[in-house]
Amino acid sequence: TQLQALQKATKLYAQLITKGKLDQSWENGLEQVTISKLKDGGTNAVVVSFKREDGDPKAVYIFLNSDGKYVGSNFTGD
């Protein structure tokens, strides 16, 4: 469900900050979180984007497969 995807992505997002892969500005300046479905080659993935007010890049995207497993993250959404 979208709620499960949000919960899992939020945990992963926090881990990226804790591990230093995202700096602290991502924690304090969060502006918007969105959930969308991405159809890629017949598989249904879920993309959770975390957008912040300031800084560059403005967003980080976390990808989960149809089973809810983490498959990657990036700053482009592709």
C-alpha atoms as a PDB file:
ATOM      1  CA  THR A   1       0.000   0.000   0.000  1.00  0.00           C
ATOM      2  CA  GLN A   2       1.034   3.611  -0.240  1.00  0.00           C
ATOM      3  CA  LEU A   3       1.204   3.852   3.542  1.00  0.00           C
ATOM      4  CA  GLN A   4       3.585   0.890   3.723  1.00  0.00           C
ATOM      5  CA  ALA A   5       5.734   2.397   0.957  1.00  0.00           C
ATOM      6  CA  LEU A   6       5.852   5.709   2.819  1.00  0.00           C
ATOM      7  CA  GLN A   7       6.826   4.028   6.085  1.00  0.00           C
ATOM      8  CA  LYS A   8       9.590   1.987   4.474  1.00  0.00           C
ATOM      9  CA  ALA A   9      10.941   4.903   2.423  1.00  0.00           C
ATOM     10  CA  THR A  10      10.935   7.172   5.473  1.00  0.00           C
ATOM     11  CA  LYS A  11      13.089   4.668   7.365  1.00  0.00           C
ATOM     12  CA  LEU A  12      15.467   4.409   4.412  1.00  0.00           C
ATOM     13  CA  TYR A  13      15.579   8.208   4.113  1.00  0.00           C
ATOM     14  CA  ALA A  14      16.534   8.495   7.790  1.00  0.00           C
ATOM     15  CA  GLN A  15      19.252   5.859   7.306  1.00  0.00           C
ATOM     16  CA  LEU A  16      20.722   7.823   4.386  1.00  0.00           C
ATOM     17  CA  ILE A  17      20.992  10.862   6.656  1.00  0.00           C
ATOM     18  CA  THR A  18      22.392   8.857   9.586  1.00  0.00           C
ATOM     19  CA  LYS A  19      25.029   7.205   7.370  1.00  0.00           C
ATOM     20  CA  GLY A  20      26.063  10.567   5.931  1.00  0.00           C
ATOM     21  CA  LYS A  21      24.931   9.834   2.384  1.00  0.00           C
ATOM     22  CA  LEU A  22      22.606  12.825   2.745  1.00  0.00           C
ATOM     23  CA  ASP A  23      23.702  15.798   4.818  1.00  0.00           C
ATOM     24  CA  GLN A  24      21.754  17.165   7.796  1.00  0.00           C
ATOM     25  CA  SER A  25      20.045  19.842   5.685  1.00  0.00           C
ATOM     26  CA  TRP A  26      17.814  17.071   4.322  1.00  0.00           C
ATOM     27  CA  GLU A  27      16.444  16.431   7.800  1.00  0.00           C
ATOM     28  CA  ASN A  28      15.673  20.015   8.771  1.00  0.00           C
ATOM     29  CA  GLY A  29      14.543  21.471   5.445  1.00  0.00           C
ATOM     30  CA  LEU A  30      12.054  18.855   4.257  1.00  0.00           C
ATOM     31  CA  GLU A  31       9.187  20.500   2.407  1.00  0.00           C
ATOM     32  CA  GLN A  32       7.172  17.791   0.654  1.00  0.00           C
ATOM     33  CA  VAL A  33       6.921  14.003   0.347  1.00  0.00           C
ATOM     34  CA  THR A  34       5.138  12.398  -2.606  1.00  0.00           C
ATOM     35  CA  ILE A  35       4.397   8.816  -3.579  1.00  0.00           C
ATOM     36  CA  SER A  36       3.908   7.704  -7.159  1.00  0.00           C
ATOM     37  CA  LYS A  37       3.861   4.510  -9.175  1.00  0.00           C
ATOM     38  CA  LEU A  38       6.440   3.920 -11.864  1.00  0.00           C
ATOM     39  CA  LYS A  39       5.843   1.343 -14.567  1.00  0.00           C
ATOM     40  CA  ASP A  40       9.189   0.236 -15.874  1.00  0.00           C
ATOM     41  CA  GLY A  41       9.410  -2.727 -18.223  1.00  0.00           C
ATOM     42  CA  GLY A  42       6.248  -4.343 -16.914  1.00  0.00           C
ATOM     43  CA  THR A  43       7.166  -4.074 -13.235  1.00  0.00           C
ATOM     44  CA  ASN A  44       5.283  -1.808 -10.910  1.00  0.00           C
ATOM     45  CA  ALA A  45       7.672   0.140  -8.736  1.00  0.00           C
ATOM     46  CA  VAL A  46       6.861   2.798  -6.180  1.00  0.00           C
ATOM     47  CA  VAL A  47       8.804   6.044  -6.043  1.00  0.00           C
ATOM     48  CA  VAL A  48       8.804   8.132  -2.876  1.00  0.00           C
ATOM     49  CA  SER A  49      10.275  11.596  -3.353  1.00  0.00           C
ATOM     50  CA  PHE A  50      11.522  13.806  -0.551  1.00  0.00           C
ATOM     51  CA  LYS A  51      11.771  17.475  -1.538  1.00  0.00           C
ATOM     52  CA  ARG A  52      13.476  20.160   0.489  1.00  0.00           C
ATOM     53  CA  GLU A  53      13.130  23.938   0.574  1.00  0.00           C
ATOM     54  CA  ASP A  54      16.754  24.904  -0.007  1.00  0.00           C
ATOM     55  CA  GLY A  55      19.886  23.384  -1.448  1.00  0.00           C
ATOM     56  CA  ASP A  56      20.861  21.544  -4.554  1.00  0.00           C
ATOM     57  CA  PRO A  57      19.655  18.997  -5.450  1.00  0.00           C
ATOM     58  CA  LYS A  58      16.120  19.789  -4.375  1.00  0.00           C
ATOM     59  CA  ALA A  59      14.833  16.201  -4.196  1.00  0.00           C
ATOM     60  CA  VAL A  60      15.903  12.646  -3.465  1.00  0.00           C
ATOM     61  CA  TYR A  61      13.938   9.704  -4.844  1.00  0.00           C
ATOM     62  CA  ILE A  62      13.683   6.281  -3.202  1.00  0.00           C
ATOM     63  CA  PHE A  63      12.563   3.339  -5.344  1.00  0.00           C
ATOM     64  CA  LEU A  64      10.788   0.247  -4.008  1.00  0.00           C
ATOM     65  CA  ASN A  65       9.781  -2.741  -6.123  1.00  0.00           C
ATOM     66  CA  SER A  66       6.287  -4.241  -6.097  1.00  0.00           C
ATOM     67  CA  ASP A  67       7.286  -6.403  -3.107  1.00  0.00           C
ATOM     68  CA  GLY A  68       8.314  -3.320  -1.128  1.00  0.00           C
ATOM     69  CA  LYS A  69      12.039  -4.006  -1.360  1.00  0.00           C
ATOM     70  CA  TYR A  70      14.480  -1.144  -1.751  1.00  0.00           C
ATOM     71  CA  VAL A  71      15.921  -1.076  -5.270  1.00  0.00           C
ATOM     72  CA  GLY A  72      17.737   2.250  -5.292  1.00  0.00           C
ATOM     73  CA  SER A  73      17.732   5.973  -4.791  1.00  0.00           C
ATOM     74  CA  ASN A  74      18.932   8.997  -6.719  1.00  0.00           C
ATOM     75  CA  PHE A  75      18.499  12.718  -7.230  1.00  0.00           C
ATOM     76  CA  THR A  76      16.928  12.554 -10.722  1.00  0.00           C
ATOM     77  CA  GLY A  77      13.889  10.324 -10.285  1.00  0.00           C
ATOM     78  CA  ASP A  78      14.901   8.233 -13.311  1.00  0.00           C
END
